[in-house]
C-alpha atoms as a PDB file:
ATOM      1  CA  MET A   1     112.127 146.492 219.722  1.00  0.00           C
ATOM      2  CA  HIS A   2     113.052 150.149 219.685  1.00  0.00           C
ATOM      3  CA  TYR A   3     114.751 151.630 216.660  1.00  0.00           C
ATOM      4  CA  VAL A   4     116.806 154.560 217.765  1.00  0.00           C
ATOM      5  CA  TYR A   5     118.566 156.367 214.917  1.00  0.00           C
ATOM      6  CA  ALA A   6     121.545 157.904 216.660  1.00  0.00           C
ATOM      7  CA  SER A   7     125.113 156.957 217.235  1.00  0.00           C
ATOM      8  CA  GLY A   8     127.387 157.020 220.244  1.00  0.00           C
ATOM      9  CA  SER A   9     126.840 155.840 223.799  1.00  0.00           C
ATOM     10  CA  ARG A  10     123.574 156.115 225.566  1.00  0.00           C
ATOM     11  CA  CYS A  11     124.812 158.833 227.847  1.00  0.00           C
ATOM     12  CA  GLY A  12     124.774 162.159 226.064  1.00  0.00           C
ATOM     13  CA  THR A  13     123.330 160.807 222.830  1.00  0.00           C
ATOM     14  CA  THR A  14     120.612 162.902 221.285  1.00  0.00           C
ATOM     15  CA  VAL A  15     117.828 160.767 219.856  1.00  0.00           C
ATOM     16  CA  VAL A  16     117.467 161.757 216.232  1.00  0.00           C
ATOM     17  CA  ALA A  17     114.389 159.711 215.465  1.00  0.00           C
ATOM     18  CA  MET A  18     112.590 156.859 217.150  1.00  0.00           C
ATOM     19  CA  SER A  19     110.244 154.517 215.384  1.00  0.00           C
ATOM     20  CA  PHE A  20     108.367 153.584 218.514  1.00  0.00           C
ATOM     21  CA  ASP A  21     104.761 153.877 219.701  1.00  0.00           C
ATOM     22  CA  VAL A  22     103.972 155.619 222.975  1.00  0.00           C
ATOM     23  CA  PHE A  23     100.363 155.639 224.185  1.00  0.00           C
ATOM     24  CA  LEU A  24      98.908 158.080 226.650  1.00  0.00           C
ATOM     25  CA  GLN A  25      95.819 156.757 228.375  1.00  0.00           C
ATOM     26  CA  ALA A  26      93.677 157.672 231.393  1.00  0.00           C
ATOM     27  CA  PHE A  27      92.778 154.977 233.916  1.00  0.00           C
ATOM     28  CA  ARG A  28      90.083 155.025 236.593  1.00  0.00           C
ATOM     29  CA  ASP A  29      89.530 152.328 239.161  1.00  0.00           C
ATOM     30  CA  GLY A  30      91.353 149.639 237.128  1.00  0.00           C
ATOM     31  CA  GLY A  31      89.674 150.435 233.808  1.00  0.00           C
ATOM     32  CA  THR A  32      90.349 152.779 230.934  1.00  0.00           C
ATOM     33  CA  GLY A  33      89.056 156.331 231.066  1.00  0.00           C
ATOM     34  CA  ALA A  34      89.143 159.377 228.895  1.00  0.00           C
ATOM     35  CA  ALA A  35      90.969 162.583 229.616  1.00  0.00           C
ATOM     36  CA  ASP A  36      89.498 165.938 228.683  1.00  0.00           C
ATOM     37  CA  PRO A  37      90.377 166.433 224.969  1.00  0.00           C
ATOM     38  CA  ALA A  38      90.342 170.221 225.457  1.00  0.00           C
ATOM     39  CA  VAL A  39      93.192 169.996 228.025  1.00  0.00           C
ATOM     40  CA  ILE A  40      95.209 167.769 225.717  1.00  0.00           C
ATOM     41  CA  GLU A  41      94.710 170.112 222.764  1.00  0.00           C
ATOM     42  CA  GLU A  42      95.552 173.162 224.873  1.00  0.00           C
ATOM     43  CA  GLU A  43      98.912 171.601 225.824  1.00  0.00           C
ATOM     44  CA  LEU A  44      99.701 170.634 222.234  1.00  0.00           C
ATOM     45  CA  ALA A  45      98.356 173.733 220.403  1.00  0.00           C
ATOM     46  CA  ALA A  46     101.659 175.566 220.117  1.00  0.00           C
ATOM     47  CA  TYR A  47     103.385 172.489 218.685  1.00  0.00           C
ATOM     48  CA  ILE A  48     100.871 171.483 215.999  1.00  0.00           C
ATOM     49  CA  ALA A  49     102.367 172.142 212.533  1.00  0.00           C
ATOM     50  CA  VAL A  50      99.794 170.071 210.550  1.00  0.00           C
ATOM     51  CA  ARG A  51      96.424 168.759 211.629  1.00  0.00           C
ATOM     52  CA  ASP A  52      94.030 166.435 209.839  1.00  0.00           C
ATOM     53  CA  GLY A  53      91.166 165.140 211.966  1.00  0.00           C
ATOM     54  CA  ASP A  54      92.619 163.274 214.987  1.00  0.00           C
ATOM     55  CA  PHE A  55      96.142 163.362 213.487  1.00  0.00           C
ATOM     56  CA  ALA A  56      98.789 166.075 214.077  1.00  0.00           C
ATOM     57  CA  ARG A  57     102.374 166.543 213.249  1.00  0.00           C
ATOM     58  CA  LEU A  58     104.032 168.073 216.302  1.00  0.00           C
ATOM     59  CA  VAL A  59     107.161 170.150 215.929  1.00  0.00           C
ATOM     60  CA  THR A  60     109.425 171.112 218.856  1.00  0.00           C
ATOM     61  CA  ARG A  61     112.715 173.074 218.940  1.00  0.00           C
ATOM     62  CA  ASP A  62     114.779 170.023 218.138  1.00  0.00           C
ATOM     63  CA  GLY A  63     112.558 167.578 216.357  1.00  0.00           C
ATOM     64  CA  ASP A  64     109.001 166.383 215.649  1.00  0.00           C
ATOM     65  CA  ALA A  65     106.565 163.447 216.080  1.00  0.00           C
ATOM     66  CA  GLU A  66     103.307 162.138 214.715  1.00  0.00           C
ATOM     67  CA  CYS A  67     100.401 162.217 217.079  1.00  0.00           C
ATOM     68  CA  TYR A  68      97.122 160.359 216.690  1.00  0.00           C
ATOM     69  CA  GLY A  69      93.958 160.607 218.809  1.00  0.00           C
ATOM     70  CA  LEU A  70      93.401 164.379 219.146  1.00  0.00           C
ATOM     71  CA  GLY A  71      89.869 165.022 220.307  1.00  0.00           C
ATOM     72  CA  LEU A  72      89.455 161.410 221.624  1.00  0.00           C
ATOM     73  CA  GLY A  73      90.795 161.643 225.185  1.00  0.00           C
ATOM     74  CA  SER A  74      93.853 159.469 224.633  1.00  0.00           C
ATOM     75  CA  LEU A  75      96.865 159.667 222.319  1.00  0.00           C
ATOM     76  CA  MET A  76      99.498 157.746 220.445  1.00  0.00           C
ATOM     77  CA  VAL A  77     102.846 159.393 219.693  1.00  0.00           C
ATOM     78  CA  THR A  78     105.171 157.835 217.175  1.00  0.00           C
ATOM     79  CA  HIS A  79     108.189 158.609 214.973  1.00  0.00           C
ATOM     80  CA  ALA A  80     109.470 161.027 217.634  1.00  0.00           C
ATOM     81  CA  GLY A  81     112.639 162.911 216.964  1.00  0.00           C
ATOM     82  CA  GLY A  82     114.748 165.066 219.295  1.00  0.00           C
ATOM     83  CA  GLU A  83     114.496 165.286 223.053  1.00  0.00           C
ATOM     84  CA  ALA A  84     112.044 168.175 223.611  1.00  0.00           C
ATOM     85  CA  ILE A  85     109.141 166.016 222.348  1.00  0.00           C
ATOM     86  CA  TRP A  86     109.557 163.760 225.377  1.00  0.00           C
ATOM     87  CA  ASP A  87     109.204 166.761 227.757  1.00  0.00           C
ATOM     88  CA  LEU A  88     106.000 167.649 225.832  1.00  0.00           C
ATOM     89  CA  VAL A  89     104.702 164.047 226.250  1.00  0.00           C
ATOM     90  CA  VAL A  90     105.319 164.255 229.976  1.00  0.00           C
ATOM     91  CA  GLU A  91     103.675 167.720 230.224  1.00  0.00           C
ATOM     92  CA  VAL A  92     100.532 166.524 228.341  1.00  0.00           C
ATOM     93  CA  ALA A  93     100.335 163.533 230.620  1.00  0.00           C
ATOM     94  CA  ARG A  94     100.653 165.699 233.694  1.00  0.00           C
ATOM     95  CA  ALA A  95      98.054 168.267 232.576  1.00  0.00           C
ATOM     96  CA  ALA A  96      95.466 165.677 231.416  1.00  0.00           C
ATOM     97  CA  GLY A  97      96.020 162.993 234.075  1.00  0.00           C
ATOM     98  CA  LEU A  98      97.292 160.431 231.561  1.00  0.00           C
ATOM     99  CA  VAL A  99      99.537 157.435 232.107  1.00  0.00           C
ATOM    100  CA  ILE A 100     102.365 157.049 229.558  1.00  0.00           C
ATOM    101  CA  LEU A 101     102.632 153.571 228.045  1.00  0.00           C
ATOM    102  CA  PRO A 102     105.705 153.081 225.834  1.00  0.00           C
ATOM    103  CA  VAL A 103     105.271 149.807 224.054  1.00  0.00           C
ATOM    104  CA  GLY A 104     107.406 147.077 225.692  1.00  0.00           C
ATOM    105  CA  CYS A 105     108.264 149.329 228.667  1.00  0.00           C
ATOM    106  CA  PRO A 106     106.858 149.785 232.139  1.00  0.00           C
ATOM    107  CA  ALA A 107     103.826 152.055 232.556  1.00  0.00           C
ATOM    108  CA  CYS A 108     104.933 155.584 233.461  1.00  0.00           C
ATOM    109  CA  VAL A 109     102.955 157.677 235.892  1.00  0.00           C
ATOM    110  CA  ILE A 110     103.530 161.295 236.791  1.00  0.00           C
ATOM    111  CA  ASP A 111     101.983 161.016 240.225  1.00  0.00           C
ATOM    112  CA  PRO A 112     102.688 157.790 242.212  1.00  0.00           C
ATOM    113  CA  ARG A 113      99.156 157.897 243.591  1.00  0.00           C
ATOM    114  CA  ASP A 114      97.852 157.129 240.088  1.00  0.00           C
ATOM    115  CA  ARG A 115      99.186 153.571 240.335  1.00  0.00           C
ATOM    116  CA  ARG A 116      95.957 152.634 242.211  1.00  0.00           C
ATOM    117  CA  HIS A 117      93.938 153.321 239.019  1.00  0.00           C
ATOM    118  CA  LEU A 118      95.913 151.064 236.763  1.00  0.00           C
ATOM    119  CA  PRO A 119      94.625 147.628 235.702  1.00  0.00           C
ATOM    120  CA  LEU A 120      96.134 144.807 237.707  1.00  0.00           C
ATOM    121  CA  GLU A 121      98.212 143.611 234.752  1.00  0.00           C
ATOM    122  CA  LEU A 122     100.127 146.909 234.757  1.00  0.00           C
ATOM    123  CA  HIS A 123     100.892 146.960 238.519  1.00  0.00           C
ATOM    124  CA  GLY A 124     104.033 144.832 238.281  1.00  0.00           C
ATOM    125  CA  LYS A 125     106.134 147.382 236.383  1.00  0.00           C
ATOM    126  CA  VAL A 126     105.355 150.999 237.006  1.00  0.00           C
ATOM    127  CA  VAL A 127     107.841 153.861 236.986  1.00  0.00           C
ATOM    128  CA  THR A 128     107.323 157.452 238.094  1.00  0.00           C
ATOM    129  CA  VAL A 129     108.631 160.039 235.617  1.00  0.00           C
ATOM    130  CA  GLN A 130     108.832 163.816 236.037  1.00  0.00           C
ATOM    131  CA  SER A 131     110.561 164.846 232.798  1.00  0.00           C
ATOM    132  CA  GLY A 132     111.285 163.852 229.291  1.00  0.00           C
ATOM    133  CA  ALA A 133     114.726 162.759 230.375  1.00  0.00           C
ATOM    134  CA  ASP A 134     113.161 160.394 232.919  1.00  0.00           C
ATOM    135  CA  LEU A 135     110.854 158.980 230.173  1.00  0.00           C
ATOM    136  CA  LEU A 136     113.736 158.545 227.718  1.00  0.00           C
ATOM    137  CA  ALA A 137     115.717 156.732 230.396  1.00  0.00           C
ATOM    138  CA  VAL A 138     112.859 154.206 230.759  1.00  0.00           C
ATOM    139  CA  ILE A 139     112.648 153.744 226.999  1.00  0.00           C
ATOM    140  CA  ARG A 140     116.413 153.425 226.471  1.00  0.00           C
ATOM    141  CA  THR A 141     116.944 150.930 229.316  1.00  0.00           C
ATOM    142  CA  THR A 142     114.025 148.598 228.570  1.00  0.00           C
END
């Protein structure tokens, strides 16, 4: 279940805050892999407002999110607010070669060729996303 704290119709609604876990994970040949933590941190550096170990509070122009897993090669983003954070999630996935796994939603790949690396149990529902708007559409319609 997704808890979206916003009012109005889906079209044109700005997500104010979402209590929802989104995992970013690398896959290689059907198994999990690890992305280069330096690439992930380089992508996130300008958005880190607070950092404590592998935790960071990310702040964008219109919201924020909690991020766990810095330095580990995979991430979890939760309590995301605003829309720019979703563009950031997609950009991190693109730069680090990560698959986006919103809980209860299809796996989201940036490059359709990455489908071949997914575990068999994820092959049934895979969506290609190119932007935060694409990712939000998957989340909102699942």
